[in-house]
PDB file of N, CA and C in Angstrom:
ATOM      1  N   MET A   1       0.844  -1.177   0.000  1.00  0.00           N
ATOM      2  CA  MET A   1       0.000   0.000   0.000  1.00  0.00           C
ATOM      3  C   MET A   1       0.890   1.241   0.000  1.00  0.00           C
ATOM      4  N   SER A   2       0.621   2.175  -0.892  1.00  0.00           N
ATOM      5  CA  SER A   2       1.455   3.367  -0.980  1.00  0.00           C
ATOM      6  C   SER A   2       0.974   4.432   0.000  1.00  0.00           C
ATOM      7  N   ASP A   3       1.919   5.260   0.418  1.00  0.00           N
ATOM      8  CA  ASP A   3       1.576   6.353   1.322  1.00  0.00           C
ATOM      9  C   ASP A   3       0.782   7.407   0.554  1.00  0.00           C
ATOM     10  N   PRO A   4      -0.180   8.063   1.209  1.00  0.00           N
ATOM     11  CA  PRO A   4      -0.914   9.138   0.534  1.00  0.00           C
ATOM     12  C   PRO A   4       0.023  10.309   0.256  1.00  0.00           C
ATOM     13  N   ALA A   5      -0.304  11.057  -0.783  1.00  0.00           N
ATOM     14  CA  ALA A   5       0.497  12.228  -1.125  1.00  0.00           C
ATOM     15  C   ALA A   5       0.441  13.228   0.033  1.00  0.00           C
ATOM     16  N   PRO A   6       1.554  13.868   0.330  1.00  0.00           N
ATOM     17  CA  PRO A   6       1.551  14.832   1.430  1.00  0.00           C
ATOM     18  C   PRO A   6       0.668  16.034   1.088  1.00  0.00           C
ATOM     19  N   THR A   7       0.050  16.599   2.114  1.00  0.00           N
ATOM     20  CA  THR A   7      -0.748  17.795   1.899  1.00  0.00           C
ATOM     21  C   THR A   7       0.135  19.022   2.053  1.00  0.00           C
ATOM     22  N   HIS A   8      -0.374  20.136   1.587  1.00  0.00           N
ATOM     23  CA  HIS A   8       0.338  21.407   1.677  1.00  0.00           C
ATOM     24  C   HIS A   8      -0.476  22.363   2.535  1.00  0.00           C
ATOM     25  N   GLN A   9       0.214  23.295   3.159  1.00  0.00           N
ATOM     26  CA  GLN A   9      -0.439  24.279   4.019  1.00  0.00           C
ATOM     27  C   GLN A   9      -0.743  25.531   3.203  1.00  0.00           C
ATOM     28  N   LEU A  10      -1.999  25.938   3.203  1.00  0.00           N
ATOM     29  CA  LEU A  10      -2.442  27.174   2.564  1.00  0.00           C
ATOM     30  C   LEU A  10      -2.871  28.105   3.685  1.00  0.00           C
ATOM     31  N   SER A  11      -2.214  29.265   3.798  1.00  0.00           N
ATOM     32  CA  SER A  11      -2.484  30.179   4.912  1.00  0.00           C
ATOM     33  C   SER A  11      -2.869  31.558   4.407  1.00  0.00           C
ATOM     34  N   PHE A  12      -3.745  32.186   5.149  1.00  0.00           N
ATOM     35  CA  PHE A  12      -4.122  33.583   4.968  1.00  0.00           C
ATOM     36  C   PHE A  12      -3.801  34.280   6.290  1.00  0.00           C
ATOM     37  N   PRO A  13      -2.510  34.633   6.522  1.00  0.00           N
ATOM     38  CA  PRO A  13      -2.086  35.138   7.832  1.00  0.00           C
ATOM     39  C   PRO A  13      -2.802  36.405   8.269  1.00  0.00           C
ATOM     40  N   THR A  14      -3.158  37.289   7.347  1.00  0.00           N
ATOM     41  CA  THR A  14      -3.835  38.522   7.758  1.00  0.00           C
ATOM     42  C   THR A  14      -5.230  38.228   8.302  1.00  0.00           C
ATOM     43  N   LEU A  15      -5.790  37.078   7.949  1.00  0.00           N
ATOM     44  CA  LEU A  15      -7.108  36.672   8.442  1.00  0.00           C
ATOM     45  C   LEU A  15      -7.014  35.641   9.562  1.00  0.00           C
ATOM     46  N   GLY A  16      -5.794  35.151   9.815  1.00  0.00           N
ATOM     47  CA  GLY A  16      -5.614  34.134  10.841  1.00  0.00           C
ATOM     48  C   GLY A  16      -6.206  32.788  10.454  1.00  0.00           C
ATOM     49  N   LEU A  17      -6.233  32.482   9.158  1.00  0.00           N
ATOM     50  CA  LEU A  17      -6.823  31.236   8.676  1.00  0.00           C
ATOM     51  C   LEU A  17      -5.792  30.398   7.940  1.00  0.00           C
ATOM     52  N   SER A  18      -5.935  29.088   8.045  1.00  0.00           N
ATOM     53  CA  SER A  18      -5.101  28.180   7.266  1.00  0.00           C
ATOM     54  C   SER A  18      -5.837  26.861   7.111  1.00  0.00           C
ATOM     55  N   CYS A  19      -5.402  26.092   6.130  1.00  0.00           N
ATOM     56  CA  CYS A  19      -5.986  24.777   5.887  1.00  0.00           C
ATOM     57  C   CYS A  19      -4.962  23.932   5.143  1.00  0.00           C
ATOM     58  N   GLU A  20      -5.226  22.659   5.094  1.00  0.00           N
ATOM     59  CA  GLU A  20      -4.400  21.757   4.301  1.00  0.00           C
ATOM     60  C   GLU A  20      -5.068  21.550   2.955  1.00  0.00           C
ATOM     61  N   VAL A  21      -4.257  21.503   1.919  1.00  0.00           N
ATOM     62  CA  VAL A  21      -4.776  21.233   0.577  1.00  0.00           C
ATOM     63  C   VAL A  21      -4.015  20.055  -0.007  1.00  0.00           C
ATOM     64  N   ASP A  22      -4.697  19.324  -0.846  1.00  0.00           N
ATOM     65  CA  ASP A  22      -4.080  18.194  -1.520  1.00  0.00           C
ATOM     66  C   ASP A  22      -3.226  18.683  -2.675  1.00  0.00           C
ATOM     67  N   PRO A  23      -2.155  17.972  -2.977  1.00  0.00           N
ATOM     68  CA  PRO A  23      -1.336  18.349  -4.145  1.00  0.00           C
ATOM     69  C   PRO A  23      -2.213  18.403  -5.392  1.00  0.00           C
ATOM     70  N   GLY A  24      -2.020  19.449  -6.177  1.00  0.00           N
ATOM     71  CA  GLY A  24      -2.781  19.600  -7.404  1.00  0.00           C
ATOM     72  C   GLY A  24      -4.078  20.366  -7.241  1.00  0.00           C
ATOM     73  N   ASP A  25      -4.491  20.639  -6.009  1.00  0.00           N
ATOM     74  CA  ASP A  25      -5.690  21.458  -5.800  1.00  0.00           C
ATOM     75  C   ASP A  25      -5.402  22.890  -6.206  1.00  0.00           C
ATOM     76  N   THR A  26      -6.416  23.560  -6.733  1.00  0.00           N
ATOM     77  CA  THR A  26      -6.297  24.997  -6.945  1.00  0.00           C
ATOM     78  C   THR A  26      -6.672  25.690  -5.642  1.00  0.00           C
ATOM     79  N   VAL A  27      -6.330  26.953  -5.538  1.00  0.00           N
ATOM     80  CA  VAL A  27      -6.709  27.709  -4.355  1.00  0.00           C
ATOM     81  C   VAL A  27      -8.232  27.771  -4.260  1.00  0.00           C
ATOM     82  N   VAL A  28      -8.915  27.906  -5.390  1.00  0.00           N
ATOM     83  CA  VAL A  28     -10.382  27.944  -5.373  1.00  0.00           C
ATOM     84  C   VAL A  28     -10.954  26.610  -4.882  1.00  0.00           C
ATOM     85  N   ASP A  29     -10.306  25.491  -5.209  1.00  0.00           N
ATOM     86  CA  ASP A  29     -10.745  24.204  -4.648  1.00  0.00           C
ATOM     87  C   ASP A  29     -10.727  24.284  -3.123  1.00  0.00           C
ATOM     88  N   ALA A  30      -9.652  24.813  -2.570  1.00  0.00           N
ATOM     89  CA  ALA A  30      -9.519  24.930  -1.114  1.00  0.00           C
ATOM     90  C   ALA A  30     -10.529  25.920  -0.546  1.00  0.00           C
ATOM     91  N   VAL A  31     -10.757  27.013  -1.257  1.00  0.00           N
ATOM     92  CA  VAL A  31     -11.732  28.015  -0.823  1.00  0.00           C
ATOM     93  C   VAL A  31     -13.109  27.364  -0.699  1.00  0.00           C
ATOM     94  N   PHE A  32     -13.478  26.592  -1.698  1.00  0.00           N
ATOM     95  CA  PHE A  32     -14.782  25.928  -1.708  1.00  0.00           C
ATOM     96  C   PHE A  32     -14.866  24.879  -0.598  1.00  0.00           C
ATOM     97  N   ARG A  33     -13.846  24.059  -0.483  1.00  0.00           N
ATOM     98  CA  ARG A  33     -13.849  22.957   0.480  1.00  0.00           C
ATOM     99  C   ARG A  33     -13.788  23.423   1.935  1.00  0.00           C
ATOM    100  N   HIS A  34     -13.057  24.509   2.190  1.00  0.00           N
ATOM    101  CA  HIS A  34     -12.835  24.958   3.561  1.00  0.00           C
ATOM    102  C   HIS A  34     -13.553  26.272   3.893  1.00  0.00           C
ATOM    103  N   ASP A  35     -14.397  26.746   2.982  1.00  0.00           N
ATOM    104  CA  ASP A  35     -15.179  27.967   3.200  1.00  0.00           C
ATOM    105  C   ASP A  35     -14.289  29.159   3.560  1.00  0.00           C
ATOM    106  N   LEU A  36     -13.223  29.334   2.794  1.00  0.00           N
ATOM    107  CA  LEU A  36     -12.310  30.466   3.007  1.00  0.00           C
ATOM    108  C   LEU A  36     -12.906  31.728   2.387  1.00  0.00           C
ATOM    109  N   PRO A  37     -12.589  32.896   2.926  1.00  0.00           N
ATOM    110  CA  PRO A  37     -13.216  34.145   2.474  1.00  0.00           C
ATOM    111  C   PRO A  37     -12.581  34.743   1.223  1.00  0.00           C
ATOM    112  N   VAL A  38     -12.558  33.977   0.154  1.00  0.00           N
ATOM    113  CA  VAL A  38     -12.080  34.465  -1.138  1.00  0.00           C
ATOM    114  C   VAL A  38     -13.238  34.320  -2.114  1.00  0.00           C
ATOM    115  N   LYS A  39     -13.632  35.428  -2.722  1.00  0.00           N
ATOM    116  CA  LYS A  39     -14.736  35.402  -3.686  1.00  0.00           C
ATOM    117  C   LYS A  39     -14.201  34.968  -5.044  1.00  0.00           C
ATOM    118  N   PHE A  40     -15.041  34.296  -5.802  1.00  0.00           N
ATOM    119  CA  PHE A  40     -14.689  33.925  -7.175  1.00  0.00           C
ATOM    120  C   PHE A  40     -15.966  33.817  -7.983  1.00  0.00           C
ATOM    121  N   LYS A  41     -15.842  33.979  -9.316  1.00  0.00           N
ATOM    122  CA  LYS A  41     -17.007  33.904 -10.188  1.00  0.00           C
ATOM    123  C   LYS A  41     -16.747  33.003 -11.384  1.00  0.00           C
ATOM    124  N   CYS A  42     -15.915  33.453 -12.295  1.00  0.00           N
ATOM    125  CA  CYS A  42     -15.814  32.776 -13.596  1.00  0.00           C
ATOM    126  C   CYS A  42     -14.956  31.517 -13.570  1.00  0.00           C
ATOM    127  N   GLU A  43     -13.962  31.453 -12.720  1.00  0.00           N
ATOM    128  CA  GLU A  43     -12.990  30.360 -12.643  1.00  0.00           C
ATOM    129  C   GLU A  43     -12.236  30.139 -13.964  1.00  0.00           C
ATOM    130  N   ARG A  44     -12.170  31.182 -14.802  1.00  0.00           N
ATOM    131  CA  ARG A  44     -11.497  31.075 -16.101  1.00  0.00           C
ATOM    132  C   ARG A  44     -10.456  32.167 -16.327  1.00  0.00           C
ATOM    133  N   ALA A  45     -10.047  32.825 -15.265  1.00  0.00           N
ATOM    134  CA  ALA A  45      -9.024  33.881 -15.354  1.00  0.00           C
ATOM    135  C   ALA A  45      -9.502  35.076 -16.163  1.00  0.00           C
ATOM    136  N   VAL A  46     -10.783  35.405 -16.045  1.00  0.00           N
ATOM    137  CA  VAL A  46     -11.328  36.526 -16.798  1.00  0.00           C
ATOM    138  C   VAL A  46     -11.764  37.673 -15.882  1.00  0.00           C
ATOM    139  N   CYS A  47     -12.472  37.370 -14.802  1.00  0.00           N
ATOM    140  CA  CYS A  47     -13.110  38.421 -14.010  1.00  0.00           C
ATOM    141  C   CYS A  47     -12.200  39.053 -12.958  1.00  0.00           C
ATOM    142  N   ALA A  48     -11.157  38.373 -12.529  1.00  0.00           N
ATOM    143  CA  ALA A  48     -10.205  38.848 -11.507  1.00  0.00           C
ATOM    144  C   ALA A  48     -10.843  39.033 -10.130  1.00  0.00           C
ATOM    145  N   THR A  49     -12.003  38.455  -9.909  1.00  0.00           N
ATOM    146  CA  THR A  49     -12.645  38.525  -8.594  1.00  0.00           C
ATOM    147  C   THR A  49     -11.790  37.841  -7.533  1.00  0.00           C
ATOM    148  N   CYS A  50     -11.081  36.785  -7.909  1.00  0.00           N
ATOM    149  CA  CYS A  50     -10.336  35.949  -6.961  1.00  0.00           C
ATOM    150  C   CYS A  50      -8.873  36.367  -6.801  1.00  0.00           C
ATOM    151  N   LEU A  51      -8.577  37.621  -7.042  1.00  0.00           N
ATOM    152  CA  LEU A  51      -7.205  38.129  -6.975  1.00  0.00           C
ATOM    153  C   LEU A  51      -6.619  37.977  -5.569  1.00  0.00           C
ATOM    154  N   VAL A  52      -5.412  37.456  -5.502  1.00  0.00           N
ATOM    155  CA  VAL A  52      -4.705  37.307  -4.237  1.00  0.00           C
ATOM    156  C   VAL A  52      -3.288  37.852  -4.367  1.00  0.00           C
ATOM    157  N   GLU A  53      -2.751  38.255  -3.225  1.00  0.00           N
ATOM    158  CA  GLU A  53      -1.348  38.622  -3.141  1.00  0.00           C
ATOM    159  C   GLU A  53      -0.608  37.436  -2.543  1.00  0.00           C
ATOM    160  N   VAL A  54       0.466  37.031  -3.194  1.00  0.00           N
ATOM    161  CA  VAL A  54       1.277  35.938  -2.671  1.00  0.00           C
ATOM    162  C   VAL A  54       2.288  36.550  -1.703  1.00  0.00           C
ATOM    163  N   ILE A  55       2.121  36.231  -0.423  1.00  0.00           N
ATOM    164  CA  ILE A  55       3.004  36.755   0.614  1.00  0.00           C
ATOM    165  C   ILE A  55       4.270  35.905   0.690  1.00  0.00           C
ATOM    166  N   ARG A  56       4.087  34.593   0.626  1.00  0.00           N
ATOM    167  CA  ARG A  56       5.213  33.667   0.707  1.00  0.00           C
ATOM    168  C   ARG A  56       4.845  32.395  -0.046  1.00  0.00           C
ATOM    169  N   GLY A  57       5.813  31.851  -0.780  1.00  0.00           N
ATOM    170  CA  GLY A  57       5.610  30.569  -1.444  1.00  0.00           C
ATOM    171  C   GLY A  57       5.285  30.645  -2.922  1.00  0.00           C
ATOM    172  N   MET A  58       5.620  31.741  -3.590  1.00  0.00           N
ATOM    173  CA  MET A  58       5.355  31.861  -5.030  1.00  0.00           C
ATOM    174  C   MET A  58       5.914  30.661  -5.787  1.00  0.00           C
ATOM    175  N   GLU A  59       7.062  30.163  -5.331  1.00  0.00           N
ATOM    176  CA  GLU A  59       7.694  29.018  -6.003  1.00  0.00           C
ATOM    177  C   GLU A  59       6.882  27.736  -5.829  1.00  0.00           C
ATOM    178  N   ASN A  60       5.904  27.750  -4.935  1.00  0.00           N
ATOM    179  CA  ASN A  60       5.062  26.580  -4.688  1.00  0.00           C
ATOM    180  C   ASN A  60       3.718  26.655  -5.401  1.00  0.00           C
ATOM    181  N   LEU A  61       3.627  27.569  -6.368  1.00  0.00           N
ATOM    182  CA  LEU A  61       2.406  27.719  -7.152  1.00  0.00           C
ATOM    183  C   LEU A  61       2.710  27.454  -8.621  1.00  0.00           C
ATOM    184  N   SER A  62       1.705  26.980  -9.327  1.00  0.00           N
ATOM    185  CA  SER A  62       1.865  26.742 -10.759  1.00  0.00           C
ATOM    186  C   SER A  62       2.183  28.058 -11.477  1.00  0.00           C
ATOM    187  N   GLU A  63       2.823  27.940 -12.618  1.00  0.00           N
ATOM    188  CA  GLU A  63       3.130  29.109 -13.446  1.00  0.00           C
ATOM    189  C   GLU A  63       1.838  29.666 -14.046  1.00  0.00           C
ATOM    190  N   PRO A  64       1.756  30.995 -14.257  1.00  0.00           N
ATOM    191  CA  PRO A  64       0.553  31.554 -14.870  1.00  0.00           C
ATOM    192  C   PRO A  64       0.405  31.099 -16.321  1.00  0.00           C
ATOM    193  N   ASN A  65      -0.823  30.767 -16.695  1.00  0.00           N
ATOM    194  CA  ASN A  65      -1.090  30.421 -18.086  1.00  0.00           C
ATOM    195  C   ASN A  65      -1.366  31.703 -18.879  1.00  0.00           C
ATOM    196  N   GLY A  66      -1.600  31.574 -20.142  1.00  0.00           N
ATOM    197  CA  GLY A  66      -1.792  32.734 -21.009  1.00  0.00           C
ATOM    198  C   GLY A  66      -2.963  33.611 -20.616  1.00  0.00           C
ATOM    199  N   ARG A  67      -4.090  32.993 -20.269  1.00  0.00           N
ATOM    200  CA  ARG A  67      -5.262  33.782 -19.877  1.00  0.00           C
ATOM    201  C   ARG A  67      -4.991  34.561 -18.594  1.00  0.00           C
ATOM    202  N   GLU A  68      -4.370  33.899 -17.623  1.00  0.00           N
ATOM    203  CA  GLU A  68      -4.070  34.600 -16.369  1.00  0.00           C
ATOM    204  C   GLU A  68      -3.106  35.747 -16.624  1.00  0.00           C
ATOM    205  N   LYS A  69      -2.075  35.510 -17.414  1.00  0.00           N
ATOM    206  CA  LYS A  69      -1.122  36.577 -17.727  1.00  0.00           C
ATOM    207  C   LYS A  69      -1.829  37.775 -18.353  1.00  0.00           C
ATOM    208  N   GLY A  70      -2.746  37.499 -19.278  1.00  0.00           N
ATOM    209  CA  GLY A  70      -3.480  38.578 -19.947  1.00  0.00           C
ATOM    210  C   GLY A  70      -4.329  39.387 -18.986  1.00  0.00           C
ATOM    211  N   THR A  71      -5.029  38.705 -18.089  1.00  0.00           N
ATOM    212  CA  THR A  71      -5.874  39.399 -17.117  1.00  0.00           C
ATOM    213  C   THR A  71      -5.032  40.190 -16.134  1.00  0.00           C
ATOM    214  N   LEU A  72      -3.950  39.603 -15.647  1.00  0.00           N
ATOM    215  CA  LEU A  72      -3.074  40.318 -14.718  1.00  0.00           C
ATOM    216  C   LEU A  72      -2.484  41.567 -15.377  1.00  0.00           C
ATOM    217  N   LYS A  73      -2.141  41.459 -16.640  1.00  0.00           N
ATOM    218  CA  LYS A  73      -1.617  42.627 -17.355  1.00  0.00           C
ATOM    219  C   LYS A  73      -2.703  43.693 -17.500  1.00  0.00           C
ATOM    220  N   ALA A  74      -3.910  43.266 -17.826  1.00  0.00           N
ATOM    221  CA  ALA A  74      -5.017  44.206 -18.033  1.00  0.00           C
ATOM    222  C   ALA A  74      -5.354  44.984 -16.766  1.00  0.00           C
ATOM    223  N   ILE A  75      -5.222  44.353 -15.612  1.00  0.00           N
ATOM    224  CA  ILE A  75      -5.533  45.058 -14.357  1.00  0.00           C
ATOM    225  C   ILE A  75      -4.294  45.699 -13.742  1.00  0.00           C
ATOM    226  N   GLN A  76      -3.190  45.650 -14.448  1.00  0.00           N
ATOM    227  CA  GLN A  76      -1.924  46.232 -13.995  1.00  0.00           C
ATOM    228  C   GLN A  76      -1.524  45.683 -12.630  1.00  0.00           C
ATOM    229  N   ALA A  77      -1.556  44.363 -12.539  1.00  0.00           N
ATOM    230  CA  ALA A  77      -1.267  43.668 -11.283  1.00  0.00           C
ATOM    231  C   ALA A  77       0.199  43.797 -10.887  1.00  0.00           C
ATOM    232  N   GLU A  78       0.419  43.801  -9.596  1.00  0.00           N
ATOM    233  CA  GLU A  78       1.766  43.756  -9.047  1.00  0.00           C
ATOM    234  C   GLU A  78       2.369  42.381  -9.359  1.00  0.00           C
ATOM    235  N   PRO A  79       3.696  42.249  -9.350  1.00  0.00           N
ATOM    236  CA  PRO A  79       4.326  40.967  -9.682  1.00  0.00           C
ATOM    237  C   PRO A  79       3.939  39.806  -8.766  1.00  0.00           C
ATOM    238  N   ASN A  80       3.552  40.100  -7.541  1.00  0.00           N
ATOM    239  CA  ASN A  80       3.198  39.024  -6.610  1.00  0.00           C
ATOM    240  C   ASN A  80       1.682  38.816  -6.497  1.00  0.00           C
ATOM    241  N   TRP A  81       0.921  39.308  -7.448  1.00  0.00           N
ATOM    242  CA  TRP A  81      -0.518  39.089  -7.486  1.00  0.00           C
ATOM    243  C   TRP A  81      -0.824  37.954  -8.448  1.00  0.00           C
ATOM    244  N   ARG A  82      -1.772  37.121  -8.069  1.00  0.00           N
ATOM    245  CA  ARG A  82      -2.191  36.001  -8.922  1.00  0.00           C
ATOM    246  C   ARG A  82      -3.701  35.822  -8.820  1.00  0.00           C
ATOM    247  N   LEU A  83      -4.253  35.059  -9.741  1.00  0.00           N
ATOM    248  CA  LEU A  83      -5.674  34.721  -9.728  1.00  0.00           C
ATOM    249  C   LEU A  83      -5.822  33.343  -9.105  1.00  0.00           C
ATOM    250  N   SER A  84      -6.506  33.280  -7.982  1.00  0.00           N
ATOM    251  CA  SER A  84      -6.557  32.025  -7.230  1.00  0.00           C
ATOM    252  C   SER A  84      -7.251  30.899  -7.993  1.00  0.00           C
ATOM    253  N   CYS A  85      -8.098  31.221  -8.945  1.00  0.00           N
ATOM    254  CA  CYS A  85      -8.757  30.165  -9.720  1.00  0.00           C
ATOM    255  C   CYS A  85      -7.784  29.426 -10.619  1.00  0.00           C
ATOM    256  N   GLN A  86      -6.631  29.997 -10.867  1.00  0.00           N
ATOM    257  CA  GLN A  86      -5.648  29.397 -11.761  1.00  0.00           C
ATOM    258  C   GLN A  86      -4.465  28.784 -11.020  1.00  0.00           C
ATOM    259  N   LEU A  87      -4.379  28.986  -9.719  1.00  0.00           N
ATOM    260  CA  LEU A  87      -3.222  28.544  -8.946  1.00  0.00           C
ATOM    261  C   LEU A  87      -3.350  27.101  -8.501  1.00  0.00           C
ATOM    262  N   THR A  88      -2.436  26.278  -8.947  1.00  0.00           N
ATOM    263  CA  THR A  88      -2.334  24.924  -8.422  1.00  0.00           C
ATOM    264  C   THR A  88      -1.291  24.943  -7.319  1.00  0.00           C
ATOM    265  N   VAL A  89      -1.673  24.436  -6.161  1.00  0.00           N
ATOM    266  CA  VAL A  89      -0.808  24.461  -4.982  1.00  0.00           C
ATOM    267  C   VAL A  89       0.155  23.278  -5.034  1.00  0.00           C
ATOM    268  N   GLN A  90       1.463  23.583  -4.963  1.00  0.00           N
ATOM    269  CA  GLN A  90       2.491  22.549  -5.061  1.00  0.00           C
ATOM    270  C   GLN A  90       3.396  22.526  -3.830  1.00  0.00           C
ATOM    271  N   GLY A  91       3.040  23.307  -2.819  1.00  0.00           N
ATOM    272  CA  GLY A  91       3.808  23.408  -1.580  1.00  0.00           C
ATOM    273  C   GLY A  91       3.134  24.407  -0.664  1.00  0.00           C
ATOM    274  N   ASP A  92       3.739  24.696   0.465  1.00  0.00           N
ATOM    275  CA  ASP A  92       3.143  25.629   1.423  1.00  0.00           C
ATOM    276  C   ASP A  92       3.129  27.050   0.857  1.00  0.00           C
ATOM    277  N   VAL A  93       2.006  27.755   1.088  1.00  0.00           N
ATOM    278  CA  VAL A  93       1.795  29.083   0.519  1.00  0.00           C
ATOM    279  C   VAL A  93       1.072  29.975   1.527  1.00  0.00           C
ATOM    280  N   GLU A  94       1.441  31.257   1.536  1.00  0.00           N
ATOM    281  CA  GLU A  94       0.725  32.272   2.304  1.00  0.00           C
ATOM    282  C   GLU A  94       0.181  33.307   1.329  1.00  0.00           C
ATOM    283  N   LEU A  95      -1.115  33.599   1.452  1.00  0.00           N
ATOM    284  CA  LEU A  95      -1.792  34.515   0.541  1.00  0.00           C
ATOM    285  C   LEU A  95      -2.560  35.573   1.315  1.00  0.00           C
ATOM    286  N   ASP A  96      -2.910  36.643   0.608  1.00  0.00           N
ATOM    287  CA  ASP A  96      -3.828  37.649   1.124  1.00  0.00           C
ATOM    288  C   ASP A  96      -4.824  37.935   0.011  1.00  0.00           C
ATOM    289  N   TYR A  97      -6.104  37.806   0.313  1.00  0.00           N
ATOM    290  CA  TYR A  97      -7.148  38.079  -0.669  1.00  0.00           C
ATOM    291  C   TYR A  97      -7.243  39.577  -0.911  1.00  0.00           C
ATOM    292  N   ILE A  98      -7.418  39.979  -2.171  1.00  0.00           N
ATOM    293  CA  ILE A  98      -7.554  41.390  -2.538  1.00  0.00           C
ATOM    294  C   ILE A  98      -8.956  41.570  -3.127  1.00  0.00           C
ATOM    295  N   PRO A  99      -9.936  41.931  -2.294  1.00  0.00           N
ATOM    296  CA  PRO A  99     -11.306  42.090  -2.787  1.00  0.00           C
ATOM    297  C   PRO A  99     -11.417  43.196  -3.834  1.00  0.00           C
ATOM    298  N   ILE A 100     -12.502  43.165  -4.568  1.00  0.00           N
ATOM    299  CA  ILE A 100     -12.760  44.165  -5.614  1.00  0.00           C
ATOM    300  C   ILE A 100     -12.689  45.581  -5.044  1.00  0.00           C
ATOM    301  N   THR A 101     -13.117  45.778  -3.814  1.00  0.00           N
ATOM    302  CA  THR A 101     -13.148  47.112  -3.203  1.00  0.00           C
ATOM    303  C   THR A 101     -11.833  47.526  -2.554  1.00  0.00           C
ATOM    304  N   ASP A 102     -10.835  46.664  -2.579  1.00  0.00           N
ATOM    305  CA  ASP A 102      -9.552  46.948  -1.926  1.00  0.00           C
ATOM    306  C   ASP A 102      -8.840  48.108  -2.624  1.00  0.00           C
ATOM    307  N   PRO A 103      -8.352  49.091  -1.867  1.00  0.00           N
ATOM    308  CA  PRO A 103      -7.648  50.234  -2.460  1.00  0.00           C
ATOM    309  C   PRO A 103      -6.424  49.844  -3.280  1.00  0.00           C
ATOM    310  N   ARG A 104      -5.819  48.702  -3.003  1.00  0.00           N
ATOM    311  CA  ARG A 104      -4.659  48.275  -3.795  1.00  0.00           C
ATOM    312  C   ARG A 104      -5.030  48.113  -5.263  1.00  0.00           C
ATOM    313  N   ARG A 105      -6.233  47.728  -5.554  1.00  0.00           N
ATOM    314  CA  ARG A 105      -6.664  47.572  -6.944  1.00  0.00           C
ATOM    315  C   ARG A 105      -6.804  48.915  -7.624  1.00  0.00           C
ATOM    316  N   ARG A 106      -7.360  49.888  -6.941  1.00  0.00           N
ATOM    317  CA  ARG A 106      -7.569  51.204  -7.551  1.00  0.00           C
ATOM    318  C   ARG A 106      -6.249  51.872  -7.888  1.00  0.00           C
ATOM    319  N   LYS A 107      -5.270  51.683  -7.027  1.00  0.00           N
ATOM    320  CA  LYS A 107      -3.947  52.285  -7.265  1.00  0.00           C
ATOM    321  C   LYS A 107      -3.403  51.854  -8.612  1.00  0.00           C
ATOM    322  N   ASN A 108      -3.647  50.629  -8.976  1.00  0.00           N
ATOM    323  CA  ASN A 108      -3.102  50.106 -10.229  1.00  0.00           C
ATOM    324  C   ASN A 108      -3.995  50.337 -11.432  1.00  0.00           C
ATOM    325  N   ASN A 109      -5.144  50.919 -11.221  1.00  0.00           N
ATOM    326  CA  ASN A 109      -6.041  51.192 -12.343  1.00  0.00           C
ATOM    327  C   ASN A 109      -6.221  52.681 -12.568  1.00  0.00           C
ATOM    328  N   GLY A 110      -5.282  53.464 -12.066  1.00  0.00           N
ATOM    329  CA  GLY A 110      -5.265  54.887 -12.352  1.00  0.00           C
ATOM    330  C   GLY A 110      -6.307  55.707 -11.623  1.00  0.00           C
ATOM    331  N   GLU A 111      -6.952  55.179 -10.618  1.00  0.00           N
ATOM    332  CA  GLU A 111      -7.966  55.948  -9.893  1.00  0.00           C
ATOM    333  C   GLU A 111      -7.349  56.736  -8.776  1.00  0.00           C
TER     334      GLU A 111
END
């Protein structure tokens, strides 16, 4: 019998929340399963509702695909911002959710 794949720690330190995620889960999978306070809509890297800041562990996330890159460019995202619907967790990660109303978003959209 083989050992189960190790889980990874997904943390939102500013909210004091964390959970374990299975290898290959997206952040949105974890949000749904553990009722984490990250909003999402399209799950296709279009709406940017699920924008997060990667505090620690960028190397433990999947590389951005073309759609995510396009959306991040369109919203003038910071280098450590990602769309949680596109992130596959490959190790321990710390994130901060950036809601639509967060002032960090307006700064990058010329408001």
